[in-house]
Each structure stands twice: as C-alpha cells, then as structure tokens.
C-alpha cells in the first residue's frame, strides 16, 4: 500500500502544478440543456456502442484468466500472463482508434471494428486451440481498443456543450457492459458446460451494434453530417 502511494503522490503533485483550465471555455450549460441531452437518442446510442467496446474490453480482461484456466487447463500464472498480453494490445490501441477516426471518420471506422468484433467472438465460440485462441483474442482486444477511441472521437462532436455530462453517462454505461460480459460467459458455462454459447450471445450483441450504427448512418439526416445542425436547432429552441 505504501509503495503504491508513491506514484499516486507524484501524479497528484504533477496535476496540481501543471493542470490548467482552458482559456477557451464556453458558457456553462443550463440544467435544461443537460436534461435535453438525456432525452437524445444519440446519447443512448453512444452508450450502447461503448458498452460493446469498452464493456467488452473490461469484461474480457476480468474474465479471461478464469476462462483460460478452465478451458485450456493452463496454470493461473500462465492465464494471467496471456490475459495481460492481449489486454495490453487493447490498451495501447485506444489512442490509435482516435487518430484513425480523425482521418476516416468515427462512424465508418466503428462500423468496421464492430464487424471485426462480431467475427472474433464467433471464432472464439468454436473454442479453438490455445495458440489460435490467443491470436483471436489479441485481434479482438485490438478491435475493442480501437473502438473505444472511435466512440470518444465522436462524442464531443455531437455533444460539445454538455461534454462532461455525456462522457460521464457514456462511461458509466460502458462500465456496466463490463459486468454483463463475465455474467454472460459464466452463466453460459454453468448452464451448458461450455463457453461457446456465451460467445455466440456476444456475437449477436456485437452484430446488433453494427446494425444500430449503420441505421444511424443511413438515417435521413445523416448521423455525422447533421450534428452541427442538431446543435444549432437545440440552441434555437
């Protein structure tokens, strides 16, 4: 505990000395604006998409040691090392997701990544050999990490004035997704004796994210293109 306090203290001191408020702050949103944000379909769409990407990343990170141990009979130490390896891939890929989203657009990138996530879950459902499973899980974590960055590249574009509220809500729902995934896999194993059914369910959920996102992109207003107009209309109202 005492050793862990050392880097935390260094981080606190650095934050106090270096952090400053942006000189380009806008006006403080009113309570009516906050409440209006909670009624927006886009907000809850972001929540659903982030629950797939971030929820998937957190959930797998917590459940993989148990799954690898039970499914492949590896030692707890080996299971932990393999989990750390694939989790690292997902963690470092998140900034790259934001960069790529800046270049090609968050929605098209996320649509591609969600498709990759669904395919990876489907391959996991076949319960392949350990080396193959680790490779698939590495690709899956890569897609999840990139997807996290893509979602949060889009959020401030749509909700620039209520970014604090919206990121808090989206982040919270994403965290809830992290609790759902271990329960799905655990209940599937308890009910069927295999993790396969759980991965099939996760495949369907990821595919549902693809359908949701593409329906938004194909809407009459055009999801990304209409964000500035939506903000302007809200201000006028």
Protein backbone atom coordinates (compact mmCIF):
# COMPACT_ATOMS: atom_id res chain seq x y z
CA UNK A 1 0.00 0.00 0.00
CA UNK A 2 2.75 2.43 0.95
CA UNK A 3 4.67 1.70 -2.26
CA UNK A 4 1.55 2.27 -4.38
CA UNK A 5 1.12 5.69 -2.79
CA UNK A 6 4.42 6.92 -4.22
CA UNK A 7 3.40 7.10 -7.92
CA UNK A 8 -0.06 8.34 -6.92
CA UNK A 9 1.50 11.19 -4.95
CA UNK A 10 3.80 12.06 -7.86
CA UNK A 11 0.81 12.13 -10.22
CA UNK A 12 -1.14 14.35 -7.80
CA UNK A 13 1.70 16.84 -7.46
CA UNK A 14 2.19 16.92 -11.23
CA UNK A 15 -1.51 17.54 -11.79
CA UNK A 16 -1.65 20.38 -9.26
CA UNK A 17 1.40 22.08 -10.78
CA UNK A 18 0.62 21.60 -14.47
CA UNK A 19 -3.15 21.33 -14.95
CA UNK A 20 -4.97 24.49 -16.01
CA UNK A 21 -8.44 25.35 -17.23
CA UNK A 22 -8.70 26.03 -20.94
CA UNK A 23 -8.85 29.78 -21.72
CA UNK A 24 -11.41 28.97 -24.45
CA UNK A 25 -14.17 27.74 -22.19
CA UNK A 26 -17.70 28.22 -23.43
CA UNK A 27 -20.72 29.18 -21.41
CA UNK A 28 -21.95 26.94 -18.65
CA UNK A 29 -24.78 24.68 -19.90
CA UNK A 30 -28.12 25.17 -18.21
CA UNK A 31 -29.98 22.41 -16.40
CA UNK A 32 -32.47 22.39 -19.27
CA UNK A 33 -29.65 21.61 -21.70
CA UNK A 34 -28.47 18.75 -19.51
CA UNK A 35 -31.96 17.29 -19.29
CA UNK A 36 -32.44 17.69 -23.02
CA UNK A 37 -29.22 15.74 -23.60
CA UNK A 38 -30.58 12.83 -21.58
CA UNK A 39 -33.53 12.65 -23.96
CA UNK A 40 -31.37 12.45 -27.08
CA UNK A 41 -31.32 9.17 -28.97
CA UNK A 42 -27.70 9.83 -29.93
CA UNK A 43 -26.62 9.78 -26.28
CA UNK A 44 -28.11 6.35 -25.65
CA UNK A 45 -26.75 5.11 -28.98
CA UNK A 46 -23.26 6.09 -27.82
CA UNK A 47 -23.95 4.27 -24.55
CA UNK A 48 -24.92 1.08 -26.37
CA UNK A 49 -21.90 1.20 -28.66
CA UNK A 50 -19.49 1.94 -25.82
CA UNK A 51 -20.91 -0.90 -23.76
CA UNK A 52 -19.84 -3.22 -26.59
CA UNK A 53 -16.32 -1.79 -26.99
CA UNK A 54 -15.28 -0.69 -23.51
CA UNK A 55 -17.56 -3.18 -21.78
CA UNK A 56 -16.06 -5.94 -23.89
CA UNK A 57 -12.53 -4.85 -23.08
CA UNK A 58 -13.11 -4.59 -19.32
CA UNK A 59 -15.22 -7.73 -19.16
CA UNK A 60 -12.74 -9.88 -21.07
CA UNK A 61 -9.86 -8.51 -19.06
CA UNK A 62 -11.50 -9.65 -15.83
CA UNK A 63 -12.86 -12.99 -17.09
CA UNK A 64 -10.13 -14.32 -19.37
CA UNK A 65 -7.89 -15.68 -16.57
CA UNK A 66 -10.73 -17.92 -15.41
CA UNK A 67 -11.72 -18.94 -18.91
CA UNK A 68 -8.19 -19.77 -20.00
CA UNK A 69 -7.62 -21.78 -16.84
CA UNK A 70 -10.86 -23.74 -17.11
CA UNK A 71 -10.98 -24.20 -20.88
CA UNK A 72 -7.31 -24.83 -21.62
CA UNK A 73 -6.08 -26.12 -18.24
CA UNK A 74 -3.20 -23.64 -18.06
CA UNK A 75 -1.78 -22.55 -14.73
CA UNK A 76 -3.18 -19.38 -13.13
CA UNK A 77 0.17 -17.66 -13.75
CA UNK A 78 0.10 -18.52 -17.47
CA UNK A 79 -3.53 -17.44 -17.73
CA UNK A 80 -2.66 -14.13 -16.10
CA UNK A 81 0.29 -13.53 -18.42
CA UNK A 82 -1.75 -14.30 -21.54
CA UNK A 83 -4.53 -12.01 -20.35
CA UNK A 84 -2.03 -9.23 -19.66
CA UNK A 85 -0.63 -9.66 -23.16
CA UNK A 86 -3.93 -9.29 -25.00
CA UNK A 87 -5.16 -6.59 -22.61
CA UNK A 88 -2.01 -4.59 -23.35
CA UNK A 89 -2.81 -4.75 -27.06
CA UNK A 90 -6.28 -3.34 -26.38
CA UNK A 91 -4.96 -0.62 -24.11
CA UNK A 92 -2.28 0.78 -26.43
CA UNK A 93 -4.59 0.64 -29.45
CA UNK A 94 -7.12 3.07 -27.98
CA UNK A 95 -5.23 6.27 -28.93
CA UNK A 96 -4.74 4.85 -32.41
CA UNK A 97 -8.51 4.44 -32.66
CA UNK A 98 -8.99 8.14 -32.06
CA UNK A 99 -6.31 9.06 -34.60
CA UNK A 100 -7.80 6.79 -37.26
CA UNK A 101 -11.27 8.15 -36.51
CA UNK A 102 -9.98 11.68 -37.11
CA UNK A 103 -8.72 10.60 -40.52
CA UNK A 104 -11.52 8.39 -41.84
CA UNK A 105 -14.48 9.32 -39.63
CA UNK A 106 -15.56 7.77 -36.35
CA UNK A 107 -18.76 6.14 -37.58
CA UNK A 108 -17.30 4.30 -40.63
CA UNK A 109 -14.33 3.14 -38.57
CA UNK A 110 -16.50 1.95 -35.71
CA UNK A 111 -18.79 0.08 -38.10
CA UNK A 112 -15.79 -1.83 -39.45
CA UNK A 113 -14.45 -2.53 -35.97
CA UNK A 114 -17.78 -3.79 -34.64
CA UNK A 115 -17.93 -6.19 -37.56
CA UNK A 116 -14.46 -7.43 -36.66
CA UNK A 117 -15.51 -7.80 -33.02
CA UNK A 118 -18.54 -9.88 -34.01
CA UNK A 119 -16.40 -12.13 -36.22
CA UNK A 120 -13.80 -12.56 -33.46
CA UNK A 121 -16.47 -13.55 -30.93
CA UNK A 122 -17.87 -16.04 -33.44
CA UNK A 123 -14.43 -17.59 -33.88
CA UNK A 124 -14.00 -17.77 -30.10
CA UNK A 125 -17.28 -19.69 -29.96
CA UNK A 126 -15.58 -22.54 -31.84
CA UNK A 127 -13.22 -22.93 -28.84
CA UNK A 128 -10.07 -23.34 -30.97
CA UNK A 129 -6.67 -24.50 -29.74
CA UNK A 130 -4.86 -22.30 -27.23
CA UNK A 131 -2.42 -20.64 -29.67
CA UNK A 132 -5.24 -19.87 -32.09
CA UNK A 133 -7.47 -18.62 -29.28
CA UNK A 134 -4.77 -16.25 -28.03
CA UNK A 135 -4.28 -14.88 -31.56
CA UNK A 136 -8.03 -14.34 -31.97
CA UNK A 137 -8.29 -12.71 -28.55
CA UNK A 138 -5.41 -10.41 -29.46
CA UNK A 139 -7.23 -9.26 -32.59
CA UNK A 140 -10.45 -8.95 -30.59
CA UNK A 141 -8.78 -6.76 -27.96
CA UNK A 142 -7.21 -4.69 -30.73
CA UNK A 143 -10.63 -4.02 -32.26
CA UNK A 144 -12.14 -3.25 -28.86
CA UNK A 145 -9.38 -0.79 -28.03
CA UNK A 146 -9.63 0.94 -31.41
CA UNK A 147 -13.40 1.04 -30.96
CA UNK A 148 -13.07 2.78 -27.60
CA UNK A 149 -11.06 5.54 -29.23
CA UNK A 150 -13.51 5.82 -32.13
CA UNK A 151 -16.53 6.25 -29.86
CA UNK A 152 -14.94 9.02 -27.85
CA UNK A 153 -13.76 10.74 -31.00
CA UNK A 154 -17.43 11.14 -31.94
CA UNK A 155 -18.92 12.07 -28.57
CA UNK A 156 -17.54 15.64 -28.32
CA UNK A 157 -18.53 16.35 -31.92
CA UNK A 158 -22.15 15.63 -31.13
CA UNK A 159 -22.32 16.96 -27.56
CA UNK A 160 -19.75 19.74 -27.45
CA UNK A 161 -21.73 21.80 -24.93
CA UNK A 162 -22.60 19.02 -22.49
CA UNK A 163 -19.41 17.00 -22.83
CA UNK A 164 -18.98 16.49 -19.08
CA UNK A 165 -22.45 15.05 -18.58
CA UNK A 166 -22.41 12.94 -21.72
CA UNK A 167 -18.96 11.42 -21.22
CA UNK A 168 -19.95 10.57 -17.65
CA UNK A 169 -23.12 8.80 -18.74
CA UNK A 170 -21.47 7.00 -21.67
CA UNK A 171 -18.56 5.92 -19.49
CA UNK A 172 -20.89 4.62 -16.79
CA UNK A 173 -22.92 2.54 -19.24
CA UNK A 174 -19.71 1.20 -20.74
CA UNK A 175 -18.66 0.10 -17.28
CA UNK A 176 -21.96 -1.72 -16.84
CA UNK A 177 -21.20 -3.55 -20.08
CA UNK A 178 -18.04 -4.77 -18.40
CA UNK A 179 -20.16 -6.50 -15.75
CA UNK A 180 -22.52 -8.04 -18.30
CA UNK A 181 -19.89 -9.88 -20.33
CA UNK A 182 -18.47 -12.03 -17.48
CA UNK A 183 -22.02 -12.87 -16.42
CA UNK A 184 -22.93 -13.97 -19.95
CA UNK A 185 -19.89 -16.22 -20.24
CA UNK A 186 -20.19 -17.51 -16.68
CA UNK A 187 -23.89 -18.31 -16.92
CA UNK A 188 -23.35 -20.00 -20.30
CA UNK A 189 -20.64 -22.21 -18.82
CA UNK A 190 -22.79 -23.03 -15.79
CA UNK A 191 -25.86 -23.81 -17.89
CA UNK A 192 -24.32 -25.67 -20.83
CA UNK A 193 -20.90 -26.75 -19.61
CA UNK A 194 -19.25 -24.74 -22.38
CA UNK A 195 -18.22 -21.14 -23.05
CA UNK A 196 -19.36 -21.46 -26.67
CA UNK A 197 -22.94 -20.34 -26.04
CA UNK A 198 -21.73 -17.25 -24.23
CA UNK A 199 -19.54 -16.24 -27.16
CA UNK A 200 -22.47 -16.78 -29.53
CA UNK A 201 -24.54 -14.35 -27.43
CA UNK A 202 -21.69 -11.82 -27.51
CA UNK A 203 -21.52 -12.26 -31.29
CA UNK A 204 -25.19 -11.33 -31.56
CA UNK A 205 -24.73 -8.29 -29.31
CA UNK A 206 -21.78 -7.03 -31.36
CA UNK A 207 -23.70 -7.61 -34.58
CA UNK A 208 -26.57 -5.64 -33.05
CA UNK A 209 -24.13 -2.78 -32.56
CA UNK A 210 -23.29 -2.90 -36.26
CA UNK A 211 -26.98 -2.77 -37.17
CA UNK A 212 -27.59 0.14 -34.79
CA UNK A 213 -24.67 2.16 -36.08
CA UNK A 214 -25.44 1.58 -39.74
CA UNK A 215 -29.08 2.50 -39.21
CA UNK A 216 -27.94 5.78 -37.69
CA UNK A 217 -25.51 6.41 -40.55
CA UNK A 218 -28.26 5.70 -43.08
CA UNK A 219 -30.85 7.94 -41.40
CA UNK A 220 -32.36 10.75 -43.45
CA UNK A 221 -30.44 13.42 -41.56
CA UNK A 222 -27.10 11.61 -41.85
CA UNK A 223 -25.73 10.92 -38.37
CA UNK A 224 -22.36 12.65 -38.58
CA UNK A 225 -23.24 15.33 -41.09
CA UNK A 226 -26.24 16.56 -39.11
CA UNK A 227 -24.55 17.05 -35.73
CA UNK A 228 -23.85 20.75 -36.18
CA UNK A 229 -27.41 21.31 -37.40
CA UNK A 230 -28.81 19.40 -34.41
CA UNK A 231 -26.82 21.61 -32.03
CA UNK A 232 -27.98 24.76 -33.81
CA UNK A 233 -31.61 23.68 -33.69
CA UNK A 234 -31.33 22.88 -29.98
CA UNK A 235 -29.89 26.32 -29.28
CA UNK A 236 -32.66 27.99 -31.26
CA UNK A 237 -35.30 26.03 -29.35
